[in-house]
Amino acid sequence: MKQQKHPIDITVDLGEPVLGLYGGQDEGIPLESVEQMRQALHAANAKAEIVVYPDACHAFNADYRPSYHAQSAQDGLV
C-alpha cells in the first residue's frame, strides 16, 4: 500500500507558487501545523504566502456551511 503524502512532505518538489489560507479556529489543522508548513516552504525557498484568519474556522470560504466567515472569505478572494 502506498503511503499518503501530505503537502509538507513535498515542499521541496513544488514548482508553482503556494497560497495557504487557514482559519485560526480550525480544530482539524492546528496552528503549529500551519507554522511547520510555513517553515518548510521557507526552507525549500518556495514562493509562498501563508495567511491565517484568526477568527475563522475550517471551511470558512464555504458560504453554504455554518463555518462560513464572510470577512475572511472575501479577503481570501482578493
PDB file of N, CA and C in Angstrom:
ATOM      1  N   MET A   1       0.832  -1.181   0.000  1.00  0.00           N
ATOM      2  CA  MET A   1       0.000   0.000   0.000  1.00  0.00           C
ATOM      3  C   MET A   1       0.879   1.248   0.000  1.00  0.00           C
ATOM      4  N   LYS A   2       0.574   2.162  -0.863  1.00  0.00           N
ATOM      5  CA  LYS A   2       1.352   3.383  -0.999  1.00  0.00           C
ATOM      6  C   LYS A   2       1.022   4.340   0.146  1.00  0.00           C
ATOM      7  N   GLN A   3       2.069   4.898   0.761  1.00  0.00           N
ATOM      8  CA  GLN A   3       1.864   5.820   1.875  1.00  0.00           C
ATOM      9  C   GLN A   3       1.421   7.188   1.358  1.00  0.00           C
ATOM     10  N   GLN A   4       0.402   7.722   1.984  1.00  0.00           N
ATOM     11  CA  GLN A   4      -0.138   9.032   1.593  1.00  0.00           C
ATOM     12  C   GLN A   4       0.875  10.128   1.915  1.00  0.00           C
ATOM     13  N   LYS A   5       1.040  11.048   0.979  1.00  0.00           N
ATOM     14  CA  LYS A   5       1.909  12.193   1.195  1.00  0.00           C
ATOM     15  C   LYS A   5       1.059  13.400   1.551  1.00  0.00           C
ATOM     16  N   HIS A   6       1.573  14.189   2.450  1.00  0.00           N
ATOM     17  CA  HIS A   6       0.920  15.418   2.866  1.00  0.00           C
ATOM     18  C   HIS A   6       1.657  16.593   2.231  1.00  0.00           C
ATOM     19  N   PRO A   7       1.026  17.744   2.130  1.00  0.00           N
ATOM     20  CA  PRO A   7       1.689  18.891   1.489  1.00  0.00           C
ATOM     21  C   PRO A   7       3.075  19.191   2.047  1.00  0.00           C
ATOM     22  N   ILE A   8       3.228  19.073   3.335  1.00  0.00           N
ATOM     23  CA  ILE A   8       4.539  19.375   3.930  1.00  0.00           C
ATOM     24  C   ILE A   8       5.622  18.403   3.441  1.00  0.00           C
ATOM     25  N   ASP A   9       5.208  17.218   3.007  1.00  0.00           N
ATOM     26  CA  ASP A   9       6.165  16.214   2.524  1.00  0.00           C
ATOM     27  C   ASP A   9       6.727  16.539   1.141  1.00  0.00           C
ATOM     28  N   ILE A  10       6.094  17.421   0.414  1.00  0.00           N
ATOM     29  CA  ILE A  10       6.520  17.685  -0.964  1.00  0.00           C
ATOM     30  C   ILE A  10       6.947  19.136  -1.202  1.00  0.00           C
ATOM     31  N   THR A  11       7.207  19.879  -0.139  1.00  0.00           N
ATOM     32  CA  THR A  11       7.562  21.293  -0.323  1.00  0.00           C
ATOM     33  C   THR A  11       8.782  21.481  -1.212  1.00  0.00           C
ATOM     34  N   VAL A  12       9.743  20.600  -1.124  1.00  0.00           N
ATOM     35  CA  VAL A  12      10.957  20.754  -1.943  1.00  0.00           C
ATOM     36  C   VAL A  12      10.692  20.473  -3.418  1.00  0.00           C
ATOM     37  N   ASP A  13       9.585  19.816  -3.731  1.00  0.00           N
ATOM     38  CA  ASP A  13       9.270  19.471  -5.115  1.00  0.00           C
ATOM     39  C   ASP A  13       8.305  20.446  -5.792  1.00  0.00           C
ATOM     40  N   LEU A  14       7.854  21.443  -5.058  1.00  0.00           N
ATOM     41  CA  LEU A  14       6.868  22.365  -5.611  1.00  0.00           C
ATOM     42  C   LEU A  14       7.506  23.267  -6.661  1.00  0.00           C
ATOM     43  N   GLY A  15       6.849  23.369  -7.787  1.00  0.00           N
ATOM     44  CA  GLY A  15       7.353  24.225  -8.848  1.00  0.00           C
ATOM     45  C   GLY A  15       6.485  25.446  -9.083  1.00  0.00           C
ATOM     46  N   GLU A  16       5.385  25.515  -8.377  1.00  0.00           N
ATOM     47  CA  GLU A  16       4.442  26.621  -8.541  1.00  0.00           C
ATOM     48  C   GLU A  16       4.283  27.352  -7.217  1.00  0.00           C
ATOM     49  N   PRO A  17       3.871  28.614  -7.266  1.00  0.00           N
ATOM     50  CA  PRO A  17       3.633  29.360  -6.027  1.00  0.00           C
ATOM     51  C   PRO A  17       2.522  28.707  -5.196  1.00  0.00           C
ATOM     52  N   VAL A  18       2.613  28.898  -3.894  1.00  0.00           N
ATOM     53  CA  VAL A  18       1.651  28.326  -2.957  1.00  0.00           C
ATOM     54  C   VAL A  18       0.977  29.449  -2.187  1.00  0.00           C
ATOM     55  N   LEU A  19      -0.341  29.390  -2.097  1.00  0.00           N
ATOM     56  CA  LEU A  19      -1.105  30.300  -1.252  1.00  0.00           C
ATOM     57  C   LEU A  19      -1.890  29.432  -0.287  1.00  0.00           C
ATOM     58  N   GLY A  20      -1.585  29.554   0.997  1.00  0.00           N
ATOM     59  CA  GLY A  20      -2.291  28.791   2.022  1.00  0.00           C
ATOM     60  C   GLY A  20      -3.161  29.718   2.838  1.00  0.00           C
ATOM     61  N   LEU A  21      -4.449  29.452   2.873  1.00  0.00           N
ATOM     62  CA  LEU A  21      -5.395  30.250   3.651  1.00  0.00           C
ATOM     63  C   LEU A  21      -5.964  29.354   4.751  1.00  0.00           C
ATOM     64  N   TYR A  22      -5.724  29.714   5.995  1.00  0.00           N
ATOM     65  CA  TYR A  22      -6.090  28.877   7.128  1.00  0.00           C
ATOM     66  C   TYR A  22      -6.932  29.655   8.129  1.00  0.00           C
ATOM     67  N   GLY A  23      -7.810  28.936   8.801  1.00  0.00           N
ATOM     68  CA  GLY A  23      -8.599  29.510   9.881  1.00  0.00           C
ATOM     69  C   GLY A  23      -7.896  29.294  11.211  1.00  0.00           C
ATOM     70  N   GLY A  24      -7.739  30.346  11.962  1.00  0.00           N
ATOM     71  CA  GLY A  24      -7.084  30.257  13.263  1.00  0.00           C
ATOM     72  C   GLY A  24      -7.859  29.420  14.263  1.00  0.00           C
ATOM     73  N   GLN A  25      -9.160  29.231  14.039  1.00  0.00           N
ATOM     74  CA  GLN A  25     -10.012  28.442  14.925  1.00  0.00           C
ATOM     75  C   GLN A  25     -10.250  27.027  14.390  1.00  0.00           C
ATOM     76  N   ASP A  26      -9.537  26.648  13.357  1.00  0.00           N
ATOM     77  CA  ASP A  26      -9.700  25.329  12.744  1.00  0.00           C
ATOM     78  C   ASP A  26      -9.187  24.268  13.714  1.00  0.00           C
ATOM     79  N   GLU A  27     -10.067  23.387  14.154  1.00  0.00           N
ATOM     80  CA  GLU A  27      -9.676  22.338  15.088  1.00  0.00           C
ATOM     81  C   GLU A  27      -9.010  21.157  14.383  1.00  0.00           C
ATOM     82  N   GLY A  28      -9.132  21.093  13.065  1.00  0.00           N
ATOM     83  CA  GLY A  28      -8.544  19.985  12.317  1.00  0.00           C
ATOM     84  C   GLY A  28      -7.141  20.265  11.817  1.00  0.00           C
ATOM     85  N   ILE A  29      -6.789  21.534  11.714  1.00  0.00           N
ATOM     86  CA  ILE A  29      -5.444  21.919  11.273  1.00  0.00           C
ATOM     87  C   ILE A  29      -4.878  22.874  12.328  1.00  0.00           C
ATOM     88  N   PRO A  30      -4.143  22.344  13.286  1.00  0.00           N
ATOM     89  CA  PRO A  30      -3.613  23.185  14.360  1.00  0.00           C
ATOM     90  C   PRO A  30      -2.635  24.237  13.834  1.00  0.00           C
ATOM     91  N   LEU A  31      -2.577  25.356  14.523  1.00  0.00           N
ATOM     92  CA  LEU A  31      -1.677  26.436  14.108  1.00  0.00           C
ATOM     93  C   LEU A  31      -0.215  25.990  14.095  1.00  0.00           C
ATOM     94  N   GLU A  32       0.143  25.037  14.936  1.00  0.00           N
ATOM     95  CA  GLU A  32       1.529  24.548  14.904  1.00  0.00           C
ATOM     96  C   GLU A  32       1.815  23.826  13.592  1.00  0.00           C
ATOM     97  N   SER A  33       0.823  23.172  13.011  1.00  0.00           N
ATOM     98  CA  SER A  33       0.992  22.529  11.700  1.00  0.00           C
ATOM     99  C   SER A  33       1.139  23.571  10.602  1.00  0.00           C
ATOM    100  N   VAL A  34       0.374  24.651  10.717  1.00  0.00           N
ATOM    101  CA  VAL A  34       0.478  25.746   9.747  1.00  0.00           C
ATOM    102  C   VAL A  34       1.880  26.345   9.814  1.00  0.00           C
ATOM    103  N   GLU A  35       2.383  26.545  11.014  1.00  0.00           N
ATOM    104  CA  GLU A  35       3.719  27.112  11.171  1.00  0.00           C
ATOM    105  C   GLU A  35       4.789  26.161  10.636  1.00  0.00           C
ATOM    106  N   GLN A  36       4.624  24.865  10.831  1.00  0.00           N
ATOM    107  CA  GLN A  36       5.572  23.893  10.279  1.00  0.00           C
ATOM    108  C   GLN A  36       5.583  23.971   8.758  1.00  0.00           C
ATOM    109  N   MET A  37       4.403  24.123   8.163  1.00  0.00           N
ATOM    110  CA  MET A  37       4.320  24.250   6.704  1.00  0.00           C
ATOM    111  C   MET A  37       5.013  25.534   6.251  1.00  0.00           C
ATOM    112  N   ARG A  38       4.769  26.612   6.946  1.00  0.00           N
ATOM    113  CA  ARG A  38       5.410  27.887   6.605  1.00  0.00           C
ATOM    114  C   ARG A  38       6.927  27.736   6.641  1.00  0.00           C
ATOM    115  N   GLN A  39       7.440  27.108   7.670  1.00  0.00           N
ATOM    116  CA  GLN A  39       8.886  26.927   7.807  1.00  0.00           C
ATOM    117  C   GLN A  39       9.439  26.008   6.721  1.00  0.00           C
ATOM    118  N   ALA A  40       8.708  24.950   6.394  1.00  0.00           N
ATOM    119  CA  ALA A  40       9.161  24.027   5.341  1.00  0.00           C
ATOM    120  C   ALA A  40       9.204  24.729   3.988  1.00  0.00           C
ATOM    121  N   LEU A  41       8.211  25.546   3.708  1.00  0.00           N
ATOM    122  CA  LEU A  41       8.190  26.297   2.446  1.00  0.00           C
ATOM    123  C   LEU A  41       9.358  27.272   2.391  1.00  0.00           C
ATOM    124  N   HIS A  42       9.609  27.933   3.505  1.00  0.00           N
ATOM    125  CA  HIS A  42      10.728  28.880   3.565  1.00  0.00           C
ATOM    126  C   HIS A  42      12.055  28.143   3.356  1.00  0.00           C
ATOM    127  N   ALA A  43      12.220  26.997   4.017  1.00  0.00           N
ATOM    128  CA  ALA A  43      13.457  26.221   3.892  1.00  0.00           C
ATOM    129  C   ALA A  43      13.663  25.722   2.464  1.00  0.00           C
ATOM    130  N   ALA A  44      12.557  25.479   1.750  1.00  0.00           N
ATOM    131  CA  ALA A  44      12.642  24.994   0.370  1.00  0.00           C
ATOM    132  C   ALA A  44      12.753  26.144  -0.633  1.00  0.00           C
ATOM    133  N   ASN A  45      12.821  27.383  -0.123  1.00  0.00           N
ATOM    134  CA  ASN A  45      12.874  28.572  -0.970  1.00  0.00           C
ATOM    135  C   ASN A  45      11.696  28.621  -1.938  1.00  0.00           C
ATOM    136  N   ALA A  46      10.556  28.120  -1.498  1.00  0.00           N
ATOM    137  CA  ALA A  46       9.358  28.125  -2.339  1.00  0.00           C
ATOM    138  C   ALA A  46       8.724  29.513  -2.314  1.00  0.00           C
ATOM    139  N   LYS A  47       8.183  29.894  -3.441  1.00  0.00           N
ATOM    140  CA  LYS A  47       7.427  31.139  -3.500  1.00  0.00           C
ATOM    141  C   LYS A  47       6.072  30.830  -2.867  1.00  0.00           C
ATOM    142  N   ALA A  48       5.847  31.386  -1.675  1.00  0.00           N
ATOM    143  CA  ALA A  48       4.649  31.002  -0.931  1.00  0.00           C
ATOM    144  C   ALA A  48       4.187  32.127  -0.016  1.00  0.00           C
ATOM    145  N   GLU A  49       2.892  32.113   0.234  1.00  0.00           N
ATOM    146  CA  GLU A  49       2.294  33.007   1.216  1.00  0.00           C
ATOM    147  C   GLU A  49       1.302  32.190   2.028  1.00  0.00           C
ATOM    148  N   ILE A  50       1.437  32.277   3.339  1.00  0.00           N
ATOM    149  CA  ILE A  50       0.535  31.600   4.261  1.00  0.00           C
ATOM    150  C   ILE A  50      -0.200  32.691   5.037  1.00  0.00           C
ATOM    151  N   VAL A  51      -1.533  32.640   5.010  1.00  0.00           N
ATOM    152  CA  VAL A  51      -2.361  33.617   5.711  1.00  0.00           C
ATOM    153  C   VAL A  51      -3.237  32.870   6.707  1.00  0.00           C
ATOM    154  N   VAL A  52      -3.258  33.349   7.951  1.00  0.00           N
ATOM    155  CA  VAL A  52      -4.122  32.778   8.971  1.00  0.00           C
ATOM    156  C   VAL A  52      -5.157  33.836   9.354  1.00  0.00           C
ATOM    157  N   TYR A  53      -6.414  33.449   9.259  1.00  0.00           N
ATOM    158  CA  TYR A  53      -7.521  34.322   9.667  1.00  0.00           C
ATOM    159  C   TYR A  53      -7.908  33.909  11.086  1.00  0.00           C
ATOM    160  N   PRO A  54      -7.543  34.724  12.089  1.00  0.00           N
ATOM    161  CA  PRO A  54      -7.689  34.328  13.490  1.00  0.00           C
ATOM    162  C   PRO A  54      -9.111  33.942  13.908  1.00  0.00           C
ATOM    163  N   ASP A  55     -10.113  34.564  13.347  1.00  0.00           N
ATOM    164  CA  ASP A  55     -11.494  34.324  13.771  1.00  0.00           C
ATOM    165  C   ASP A  55     -12.221  33.281  12.936  1.00  0.00           C
ATOM    166  N   ALA A  56     -11.555  32.705  11.966  1.00  0.00           N
ATOM    167  CA  ALA A  56     -12.206  31.762  11.048  1.00  0.00           C
ATOM    168  C   ALA A  56     -11.944  30.312  11.466  1.00  0.00           C
ATOM    169  N   CYS A  57     -12.913  29.463  11.132  1.00  0.00           N
ATOM    170  CA  CYS A  57     -12.799  28.012  11.371  1.00  0.00           C
ATOM    171  C   CYS A  57     -12.450  27.323  10.047  1.00  0.00           C
ATOM    172  N   HIS A  58     -12.501  25.993  10.065  1.00  0.00           N
ATOM    173  CA  HIS A  58     -12.290  25.212   8.864  1.00  0.00           C
ATOM    174  C   HIS A  58     -13.419  25.489   7.868  1.00  0.00           C
ATOM    175  N   ALA A  59     -13.113  25.507   6.597  1.00  0.00           N
ATOM    176  CA  ALA A  59     -14.094  25.724   5.519  1.00  0.00           C
ATOM    177  C   ALA A  59     -14.763  27.094   5.628  1.00  0.00           C
ATOM    178  N   PHE A  60     -13.987  28.096   6.031  1.00  0.00           N
ATOM    179  CA  PHE A  60     -14.545  29.432   6.209  1.00  0.00           C
ATOM    180  C   PHE A  60     -15.004  30.075   4.900  1.00  0.00           C
ATOM    181  N   ASN A  61     -14.601  29.516   3.781  1.00  0.00           N
ATOM    182  CA  ASN A  61     -14.986  30.071   2.483  1.00  0.00           C
ATOM    183  C   ASN A  61     -16.255  29.421   1.916  1.00  0.00           C
ATOM    184  N   ALA A  62     -16.773  28.407   2.576  1.00  0.00           N
ATOM    185  CA  ALA A  62     -17.955  27.683   2.093  1.00  0.00           C
ATOM    186  C   ALA A  62     -19.214  28.389   2.590  1.00  0.00           C
ATOM    187  N   ASP A  63     -19.797  29.210   1.730  1.00  0.00           N
ATOM    188  CA  ASP A  63     -20.927  30.036   2.158  1.00  0.00           C
ATOM    189  C   ASP A  63     -22.211  29.254   2.430  1.00  0.00           C
ATOM    190  N   TYR A  64     -22.204  27.974   2.209  1.00  0.00           N
ATOM    191  CA  TYR A  64     -23.360  27.120   2.478  1.00  0.00           C
ATOM    192  C   TYR A  64     -23.206  26.366   3.802  1.00  0.00           C
ATOM    193  N   ARG A  65     -22.129  26.639   4.546  1.00  0.00           N
ATOM    194  CA  ARG A  65     -21.873  25.942   5.809  1.00  0.00           C
ATOM    195  C   ARG A  65     -21.909  26.916   6.976  1.00  0.00           C
ATOM    196  N   PRO A  66     -22.220  26.429   8.169  1.00  0.00           N
ATOM    197  CA  PRO A  66     -22.220  27.299   9.350  1.00  0.00           C
ATOM    198  C   PRO A  66     -20.853  27.909   9.649  1.00  0.00           C
ATOM    199  N   SER A  67     -19.782  27.281   9.170  1.00  0.00           N
ATOM    200  CA  SER A  67     -18.429  27.777   9.431  1.00  0.00           C
ATOM    201  C   SER A  67     -18.044  28.971   8.553  1.00  0.00           C
ATOM    202  N   TYR A  68     -18.919  29.356   7.623  1.00  0.00           N
ATOM    203  CA  TYR A  68     -18.624  30.474   6.712  1.00  0.00           C
ATOM    204  C   TYR A  68     -18.279  31.725   7.507  1.00  0.00           C
ATOM    205  N   HIS A  69     -17.190  32.359   7.131  1.00  0.00           N
ATOM    206  CA  HIS A  69     -16.755  33.611   7.766  1.00  0.00           C
ATOM    207  C   HIS A  69     -16.532  34.621   6.641  1.00  0.00           C
ATOM    208  N   ALA A  70     -17.526  35.441   6.433  1.00  0.00           N
ATOM    209  CA  ALA A  70     -17.578  36.327   5.267  1.00  0.00           C
ATOM    210  C   ALA A  70     -16.332  37.202   5.111  1.00  0.00           C
ATOM    211  N   GLN A  71     -15.888  37.825   6.180  1.00  0.00           N
ATOM    212  CA  GLN A  71     -14.746  38.739   6.087  1.00  0.00           C
ATOM    213  C   GLN A  71     -13.485  37.997   5.626  1.00  0.00           C
ATOM    214  N   SER A  72     -13.224  36.850   6.206  1.00  0.00           N
ATOM    215  CA  SER A  72     -12.038  36.071   5.823  1.00  0.00           C
ATOM    216  C   SER A  72     -12.176  35.544   4.391  1.00  0.00           C
ATOM    217  N   ALA A  73     -13.361  35.061   4.076  1.00  0.00           N
ATOM    218  CA  ALA A  73     -13.598  34.530   2.727  1.00  0.00           C
ATOM    219  C   ALA A  73     -13.384  35.613   1.681  1.00  0.00           C
ATOM    220  N   GLN A  74     -13.900  36.790   1.918  1.00  0.00           N
ATOM    221  CA  GLN A  74     -13.759  37.894   0.966  1.00  0.00           C
ATOM    222  C   GLN A  74     -12.292  38.288   0.808  1.00  0.00           C
ATOM    223  N   ASP A  75     -11.565  38.360   1.923  1.00  0.00           N
ATOM    224  CA  ASP A  75     -10.153  38.717   1.861  1.00  0.00           C
ATOM    225  C   ASP A  75      -9.369  37.668   1.075  1.00  0.00           C
ATOM    226  N   GLY A  76      -9.718  36.401   1.232  1.00  0.00           N
ATOM    227  CA  GLY A  76      -9.025  35.324   0.535  1.00  0.00           C
ATOM    228  C   GLY A  76      -9.229  35.350  -0.956  1.00  0.00           C
ATOM    229  N   LEU A  77     -10.281  36.000  -1.405  1.00  0.00           N
ATOM    230  CA  LEU A  77     -10.545  36.082  -2.849  1.00  0.00           C
ATOM    231  C   LEU A  77      -9.757  37.189  -3.520  1.00  0.00           C
ATOM    232  N   VAL A  78      -9.265  38.120  -2.760  1.00  0.00           N
ATOM    233  CA  VAL A  78      -8.572  39.293  -3.327  1.00  0.00           C
ATOM    234  C   VAL A  78      -7.168  38.958  -3.714  1.00  0.00           C
TER     235      VAL A  78
END
